[in-house]
């Protein structure tokens, strides 16, 4: 889609472990399968700051909106 001016939008729901790794993901919506595939590939190396409860790291669920634009 490079060079077409297409804008991609993908919304993911993520399960994040207590060490910040993505353990599961669900595509809530996406406007093109190529943008969705790219978003899912990016999750393989993604790390997040885990949520804390009383100072203890805990797993959590989060929504992640992604927008792809060409620069």
PDB file of N, CA and C in Angstrom:
ATOM      1  N   UNK A   1       0.821  -1.214   0.000  1.00  0.00           N
ATOM      2  CA  UNK A   1       0.000   0.000   0.000  1.00  0.00           C
ATOM      3  C   UNK A   1       0.855   1.263   0.000  1.00  0.00           C
ATOM      4  N   UNK A   2       2.168   1.066   0.089  1.00  0.00           N
ATOM      5  CA  UNK A   2       3.061   2.215   0.061  1.00  0.00           C
ATOM      6  C   UNK A   2       2.891   2.962  -1.263  1.00  0.00           C
ATOM      7  N   UNK A   3       2.814   4.257  -1.179  1.00  0.00           N
ATOM      8  CA  UNK A   3       2.670   5.082  -2.376  1.00  0.00           C
ATOM      9  C   UNK A   3       1.236   5.308  -2.823  1.00  0.00           C
ATOM     10  N   UNK A   4       0.286   4.676  -2.161  1.00  0.00           N
ATOM     11  CA  UNK A   4      -1.119   4.830  -2.556  1.00  0.00           C
ATOM     12  C   UNK A   4      -1.828   5.925  -1.771  1.00  0.00           C
ATOM     13  N   UNK A   5      -1.207   6.372  -0.689  1.00  0.00           N
ATOM     14  CA  UNK A   5      -1.849   7.368   0.164  1.00  0.00           C
ATOM     15  C   UNK A   5      -2.869   6.769   1.121  1.00  0.00           C
ATOM     16  N   UNK A   6      -2.950   5.435   1.160  1.00  0.00           N
ATOM     17  CA  UNK A   6      -3.909   4.775   2.049  1.00  0.00           C
ATOM     18  C   UNK A   6      -3.532   5.016   3.512  1.00  0.00           C
ATOM     19  N   UNK A   7      -4.536   5.185   4.342  1.00  0.00           N
ATOM     20  CA  UNK A   7      -4.352   5.328   5.784  1.00  0.00           C
ATOM     21  C   UNK A   7      -4.938   4.093   6.437  1.00  0.00           C
ATOM     22  N   UNK A   8      -4.155   3.465   7.305  1.00  0.00           N
ATOM     23  CA  UNK A   8      -4.617   2.256   7.968  1.00  0.00           C
ATOM     24  C   UNK A   8      -4.990   2.511   9.406  1.00  0.00           C
ATOM     25  N   UNK A   9      -6.065   1.851   9.820  1.00  0.00           N
ATOM     26  CA  UNK A   9      -6.510   1.945  11.204  1.00  0.00           C
ATOM     27  C   UNK A   9      -6.788   0.534  11.702  1.00  0.00           C
ATOM     28  N   UNK A  10      -6.183   0.201  12.838  1.00  0.00           N
ATOM     29  CA  UNK A  10      -6.355  -1.123  13.437  1.00  0.00           C
ATOM     30  C   UNK A  10      -6.557  -0.934  14.940  1.00  0.00           C
ATOM     31  N   UNK A  11      -7.518  -1.656  15.498  1.00  0.00           N
ATOM     32  CA  UNK A  11      -7.729  -1.645  16.944  1.00  0.00           C
ATOM     33  C   UNK A  11      -7.511  -3.068  17.442  1.00  0.00           C
ATOM     34  N   UNK A  12      -6.592  -3.208  18.394  1.00  0.00           N
ATOM     35  CA  UNK A  12      -6.273  -4.510  18.971  1.00  0.00           C
ATOM     36  C   UNK A  12      -6.625  -4.534  20.446  1.00  0.00           C
ATOM     37  N   UNK A  13      -6.992  -5.699  20.942  1.00  0.00           N
ATOM     38  CA  UNK A  13      -7.138  -5.919  22.373  1.00  0.00           C
ATOM     39  C   UNK A  13      -6.010  -6.865  22.766  1.00  0.00           C
ATOM     40  N   UNK A  14      -5.246  -6.484  23.770  1.00  0.00           N
ATOM     41  CA  UNK A  14      -4.066  -7.238  24.164  1.00  0.00           C
ATOM     42  C   UNK A  14      -4.179  -7.766  25.583  1.00  0.00           C
ATOM     43  N   UNK A  15      -3.650  -8.961  25.783  1.00  0.00           N
ATOM     44  CA  UNK A  15      -3.429  -9.490  27.133  1.00  0.00           C
ATOM     45  C   UNK A  15      -1.938  -9.298  27.396  1.00  0.00           C
ATOM     46  N   UNK A  16      -1.614  -8.594  28.469  1.00  0.00           N
ATOM     47  CA  UNK A  16      -0.229  -8.268  28.803  1.00  0.00           C
ATOM     48  C   UNK A  16       0.121  -8.941  30.127  1.00  0.00           C
ATOM     49  N   UNK A  17       1.227  -9.694  30.114  1.00  0.00           N
ATOM     50  CA  UNK A  17       1.629 -10.428  31.313  1.00  0.00           C
ATOM     51  C   UNK A  17       2.277  -9.493  32.332  1.00  0.00           C
ATOM     52  N   UNK A  18       2.548 -10.030  33.521  1.00  0.00           N
ATOM     53  CA  UNK A  18       3.167  -9.224  34.573  1.00  0.00           C
ATOM     54  C   UNK A  18       4.590  -8.804  34.229  1.00  0.00           C
ATOM     55  N   UNK A  19       5.208  -9.410  33.222  1.00  0.00           N
ATOM     56  CA  UNK A  19       6.546  -8.964  32.805  1.00  0.00           C
ATOM     57  C   UNK A  19       6.500  -8.066  31.571  1.00  0.00           C
ATOM     58  N   UNK A  20       5.298  -7.702  31.094  1.00  0.00           N
ATOM     59  CA  UNK A  20       5.151  -6.759  29.992  1.00  0.00           C
ATOM     60  C   UNK A  20       5.077  -7.376  28.608  1.00  0.00           C
ATOM     61  N   UNK A  21       5.063  -8.698  28.526  1.00  0.00           N
ATOM     62  CA  UNK A  21       4.974  -9.373  27.230  1.00  0.00           C
ATOM     63  C   UNK A  21       3.510  -9.519  26.803  1.00  0.00           C
ATOM     64  N   UNK A  22       3.273  -9.476  25.501  1.00  0.00           N
ATOM     65  CA  UNK A  22       1.935  -9.715  24.966  1.00  0.00           C
ATOM     66  C   UNK A  22       1.730 -11.225  24.919  1.00  0.00           C
ATOM     67  N   UNK A  23       0.730 -11.706  25.631  1.00  0.00           N
ATOM     68  CA  UNK A  23       0.469 -13.138  25.671  1.00  0.00           C
ATOM     69  C   UNK A  23      -0.673 -13.556  24.753  1.00  0.00           C
ATOM     70  N   UNK A  24      -1.516 -12.597  24.364  1.00  0.00           N
ATOM     71  CA  UNK A  24      -2.617 -12.893  23.450  1.00  0.00           C
ATOM     72  C   UNK A  24      -3.095 -11.579  22.851  1.00  0.00           C
ATOM     73  N   UNK A  25      -3.672 -11.669  21.657  1.00  0.00           N
ATOM     74  CA  UNK A  25      -4.211 -10.469  21.023  1.00  0.00           C
ATOM     75  C   UNK A  25      -5.423 -10.831  20.188  1.00  0.00           C
ATOM     76  N   UNK A  26      -6.334  -9.883  20.093  1.00  0.00           N
ATOM     77  CA  UNK A  26      -7.544 -10.025  19.284  1.00  0.00           C
ATOM     78  C   UNK A  26      -7.660  -8.770  18.441  1.00  0.00           C
ATOM     79  N   UNK A  27      -7.941  -8.937  17.163  1.00  0.00           N
ATOM     80  CA  UNK A  27      -8.199  -7.797  16.288  1.00  0.00           C
ATOM     81  C   UNK A  27      -9.657  -7.403  16.475  1.00  0.00           C
ATOM     82  N   UNK A  28      -9.882  -6.201  16.970  1.00  0.00           N
ATOM     83  CA  UNK A  28     -11.248  -5.707  17.142  1.00  0.00           C
ATOM     84  C   UNK A  28     -11.771  -5.205  15.807  1.00  0.00           C
ATOM     85  N   UNK A  29     -10.935  -4.427  15.101  1.00  0.00           N
ATOM     86  CA  UNK A  29     -11.309  -3.966  13.769  1.00  0.00           C
ATOM     87  C   UNK A  29     -10.069  -3.473  13.032  1.00  0.00           C
ATOM     88  N   UNK A  30     -10.163  -3.446  11.735  1.00  0.00           N
ATOM     89  CA  UNK A  30      -9.086  -2.951  10.886  1.00  0.00           C
ATOM     90  C   UNK A  30      -9.656  -2.661   9.509  1.00  0.00           C
ATOM     91  N   UNK A  31      -9.124  -1.630   8.845  1.00  0.00           N
ATOM     92  CA  UNK A  31      -9.715  -1.252   7.570  1.00  0.00           C
ATOM     93  C   UNK A  31      -9.055  -1.924   6.365  1.00  0.00           C
ATOM     94  N   UNK A  32      -7.968  -2.673   6.568  1.00  0.00           N
ATOM     95  CA  UNK A  32      -7.336  -3.402   5.469  1.00  0.00           C
ATOM     96  C   UNK A  32      -6.496  -4.520   6.044  1.00  0.00           C
ATOM     97  N   UNK A  33      -6.561  -5.694   5.432  1.00  0.00           N
ATOM     98  CA  UNK A  33      -5.859  -6.860   5.965  1.00  0.00           C
ATOM     99  C   UNK A  33      -4.346  -6.671   6.019  1.00  0.00           C
ATOM    100  N   UNK A  34      -3.767  -5.884   5.118  1.00  0.00           N
ATOM    101  CA  UNK A  34      -2.320  -5.656   5.158  1.00  0.00           C
ATOM    102  C   UNK A  34      -1.911  -4.850   6.390  1.00  0.00           C
ATOM    103  N   UNK A  35      -2.714  -3.864   6.758  1.00  0.00           N
ATOM    104  CA  UNK A  35      -2.418  -3.090   7.963  1.00  0.00           C
ATOM    105  C   UNK A  35      -2.591  -3.967   9.207  1.00  0.00           C
ATOM    106  N   UNK A  36      -3.623  -4.799   9.212  1.00  0.00           N
ATOM    107  CA  UNK A  36      -3.856  -5.694  10.338  1.00  0.00           C
ATOM    108  C   UNK A  36      -2.697  -6.678  10.492  1.00  0.00           C
ATOM    109  N   UNK A  37      -2.244  -7.260   9.395  1.00  0.00           N
ATOM    110  CA  UNK A  37      -1.124  -8.205   9.441  1.00  0.00           C
ATOM    111  C   UNK A  37       0.142  -7.528   9.960  1.00  0.00           C
ATOM    112  N   UNK A  38       0.392  -6.295   9.523  1.00  0.00           N
ATOM    113  CA  UNK A  38       1.562  -5.551   9.979  1.00  0.00           C
ATOM    114  C   UNK A  38       1.486  -5.269  11.479  1.00  0.00           C
ATOM    115  N   UNK A  39       0.313  -4.911  11.957  1.00  0.00           N
ATOM    116  CA  UNK A  39       0.133  -4.644  13.391  1.00  0.00           C
ATOM    117  C   UNK A  39       0.410  -5.901  14.210  1.00  0.00           C
ATOM    118  N   UNK A  40      -0.073  -7.028  13.760  1.00  0.00           N
ATOM    119  CA  UNK A  40       0.142  -8.287  14.488  1.00  0.00           C
ATOM    120  C   UNK A  40       1.608  -8.710  14.455  1.00  0.00           C
ATOM    121  N   UNK A  41       2.299  -8.487  13.332  1.00  0.00           N
ATOM    122  CA  UNK A  41       3.737  -8.797  13.269  1.00  0.00           C
ATOM    123  C   UNK A  41       4.515  -7.952  14.269  1.00  0.00           C
ATOM    124  N   UNK A  42       4.136  -6.694  14.402  1.00  0.00           N
ATOM    125  CA  UNK A  42       4.817  -5.797  15.332  1.00  0.00           C
ATOM    126  C   UNK A  42       4.678  -6.213  16.785  1.00  0.00           C
ATOM    127  N   UNK A  43       3.622  -6.926  17.113  1.00  0.00           N
ATOM    128  CA  UNK A  43       3.405  -7.354  18.492  1.00  0.00           C
ATOM    129  C   UNK A  43       4.407  -8.411  18.945  1.00  0.00           C
ATOM    130  N   UNK A  44       5.012  -9.130  18.005  1.00  0.00           N
ATOM    131  CA  UNK A  44       5.933 -10.205  18.379  1.00  0.00           C
ATOM    132  C   UNK A  44       7.120  -9.698  19.194  1.00  0.00           C
ATOM    133  N   UNK A  45       7.537  -8.455  18.962  1.00  0.00           N
ATOM    134  CA  UNK A  45       8.672  -7.907  19.704  1.00  0.00           C
ATOM    135  C   UNK A  45       8.263  -6.789  20.670  1.00  0.00           C
ATOM    136  N   UNK A  46       6.977  -6.538  20.788  1.00  0.00           N
ATOM    137  CA  UNK A  46       6.499  -5.444  21.643  1.00  0.00           C
ATOM    138  C   UNK A  46       6.618  -5.796  23.121  1.00  0.00           C
ATOM    139  N   UNK A  47       6.972  -4.803  23.910  1.00  0.00           N
ATOM    140  CA  UNK A  47       7.011  -4.934  25.369  1.00  0.00           C
ATOM    141  C   UNK A  47       6.288  -3.718  25.945  1.00  0.00           C
ATOM    142  N   UNK A  48       5.585  -3.937  27.014  1.00  0.00           N
ATOM    143  CA  UNK A  48       4.833  -2.876  27.662  1.00  0.00           C
ATOM    144  C   UNK A  48       5.211  -2.805  29.135  1.00  0.00           C
ATOM    145  N   UNK A  49       4.972  -1.658  29.727  1.00  0.00           N
ATOM    146  CA  UNK A  49       5.153  -1.525  31.178  1.00  0.00           C
ATOM    147  C   UNK A  49       3.948  -2.177  31.837  1.00  0.00           C
ATOM    148  N   UNK A  50       4.173  -3.191  32.648  1.00  0.00           N
ATOM    149  CA  UNK A  50       3.038  -3.883  33.249  1.00  0.00           C
ATOM    150  C   UNK A  50       2.311  -3.009  34.269  1.00  0.00           C
ATOM    151  N   UNK A  51       1.053  -3.291  34.429  1.00  0.00           N
ATOM    152  CA  UNK A  51       0.250  -2.599  35.424  1.00  0.00           C
ATOM    153  C   UNK A  51       0.675  -3.086  36.808  1.00  0.00           C
ATOM    154  N   UNK A  52       0.499  -2.228  37.807  1.00  0.00           N
ATOM    155  CA  UNK A  52       0.844  -2.608  39.175  1.00  0.00           C
ATOM    156  C   UNK A  52      -0.374  -2.470  40.070  1.00  0.00           C
ATOM    157  N   UNK A  53      -0.458  -3.380  41.022  1.00  0.00           N
ATOM    158  CA  UNK A  53      -1.509  -3.364  42.033  1.00  0.00           C
ATOM    159  C   UNK A  53      -0.812  -3.436  43.379  1.00  0.00           C
ATOM    160  N   UNK A  54      -0.895  -2.359  44.162  1.00  0.00           N
ATOM    161  CA  UNK A  54      -0.180  -2.266  45.447  1.00  0.00           C
ATOM    162  C   UNK A  54       1.313  -2.520  45.266  1.00  0.00           C
ATOM    163  N   UNK A  55       1.881  -2.005  44.183  1.00  0.00           N
ATOM    164  CA  UNK A  55       3.303  -2.117  43.928  1.00  0.00           C
ATOM    165  C   UNK A  55       3.753  -3.435  43.321  1.00  0.00           C
ATOM    166  N   UNK A  56       2.817  -4.351  43.094  1.00  0.00           N
ATOM    167  CA  UNK A  56       3.136  -5.661  42.527  1.00  0.00           C
ATOM    168  C   UNK A  56       2.674  -5.703  41.074  1.00  0.00           C
ATOM    169  N   UNK A  57       3.570  -6.122  40.186  1.00  0.00           N
ATOM    170  CA  UNK A  57       3.209  -6.237  38.777  1.00  0.00           C
ATOM    171  C   UNK A  57       2.121  -7.287  38.581  1.00  0.00           C
ATOM    172  N   UNK A  58       1.139  -6.941  37.757  1.00  0.00           N
ATOM    173  CA  UNK A  58       0.040  -7.863  37.462  1.00  0.00           C
ATOM    174  C   UNK A  58      -0.234  -7.870  35.967  1.00  0.00           C
ATOM    175  N   UNK A  59      -0.825  -8.934  35.486  1.00  0.00           N
ATOM    176  CA  UNK A  59      -1.261  -9.001  34.095  1.00  0.00           C
ATOM    177  C   UNK A  59      -2.460  -8.090  33.889  1.00  0.00           C
ATOM    178  N   UNK A  60      -2.670  -7.703  32.639  1.00  0.00           N
ATOM    179  CA  UNK A  60      -3.789  -6.808  32.356  1.00  0.00           C
ATOM    180  C   UNK A  60      -4.248  -6.973  30.917  1.00  0.00           C
ATOM    181  N   UNK A  61      -5.348  -6.316  30.607  1.00  0.00           N
ATOM    182  CA  UNK A  61      -5.895  -6.280  29.252  1.00  0.00           C
ATOM    183  C   UNK A  61      -5.957  -4.819  28.845  1.00  0.00           C
ATOM    184  N   UNK A  62      -5.565  -4.542  27.586  1.00  0.00           N
ATOM    185  CA  UNK A  62      -5.562  -3.159  27.106  1.00  0.00           C
ATOM    186  C   UNK A  62      -5.982  -3.109  25.646  1.00  0.00           C
ATOM    187  N   UNK A  63      -6.627  -2.025  25.257  1.00  0.00           N
ATOM    188  CA  UNK A  63      -6.915  -1.766  23.850  1.00  0.00           C
ATOM    189  C   UNK A  63      -5.791  -0.918  23.280  1.00  0.00           C
ATOM    190  N   UNK A  64      -5.355  -1.256  22.063  1.00  0.00           N
ATOM    191  CA  UNK A  64      -4.273  -0.538  21.411  1.00  0.00           C
ATOM    192  C   UNK A  64      -4.730  -0.075  20.035  1.00  0.00           C
ATOM    193  N   UNK A  65      -4.986   1.231  19.869  1.00  0.00           N
ATOM    194  CA  UNK A  65      -5.345   1.737  18.546  1.00  0.00           C
ATOM    195  C   UNK A  65      -4.062   2.073  17.773  1.00  0.00           C
ATOM    196  N   UNK A  66      -4.002   1.678  16.517  1.00  0.00           N
ATOM    197  CA  UNK A  66      -2.853   1.973  15.659  1.00  0.00           C
ATOM    198  C   UNK A  66      -3.324   2.666  14.399  1.00  0.00           C
ATOM    199  N   UNK A  67      -2.593   3.688  13.987  1.00  0.00           N
ATOM    200  CA  UNK A  67      -2.891   4.389  12.738  1.00  0.00           C
ATOM    201  C   UNK A  67      -1.633   4.362  11.893  1.00  0.00           C
ATOM    202  N   UNK A  68      -1.761   3.911  10.655  1.00  0.00           N
ATOM    203  CA  UNK A  68      -0.654   3.855   9.706  1.00  0.00           C
ATOM    204  C   UNK A  68      -0.827   4.975   8.687  1.00  0.00           C
ATOM    205  N   UNK A  69       0.194   5.836   8.587  1.00  0.00           N
ATOM    206  CA  UNK A  69       0.185   6.892   7.578  1.00  0.00           C
ATOM    207  C   UNK A  69       1.539   6.897   6.874  1.00  0.00           C
ATOM    208  N   UNK A  70       1.542   7.344   5.641  1.00  0.00           N
ATOM    209  CA  UNK A  70       2.783   7.401   4.886  1.00  0.00           C
ATOM    210  C   UNK A  70       3.398   8.784   5.058  1.00  0.00           C
ATOM    211  N   UNK A  71       4.697   8.793   5.321  1.00  0.00           N
ATOM    212  CA  UNK A  71       5.403  10.075   5.468  1.00  0.00           C
ATOM    213  C   UNK A  71       6.444  10.214   4.419  1.00  0.00           C
TER     214      UNK A  71
END
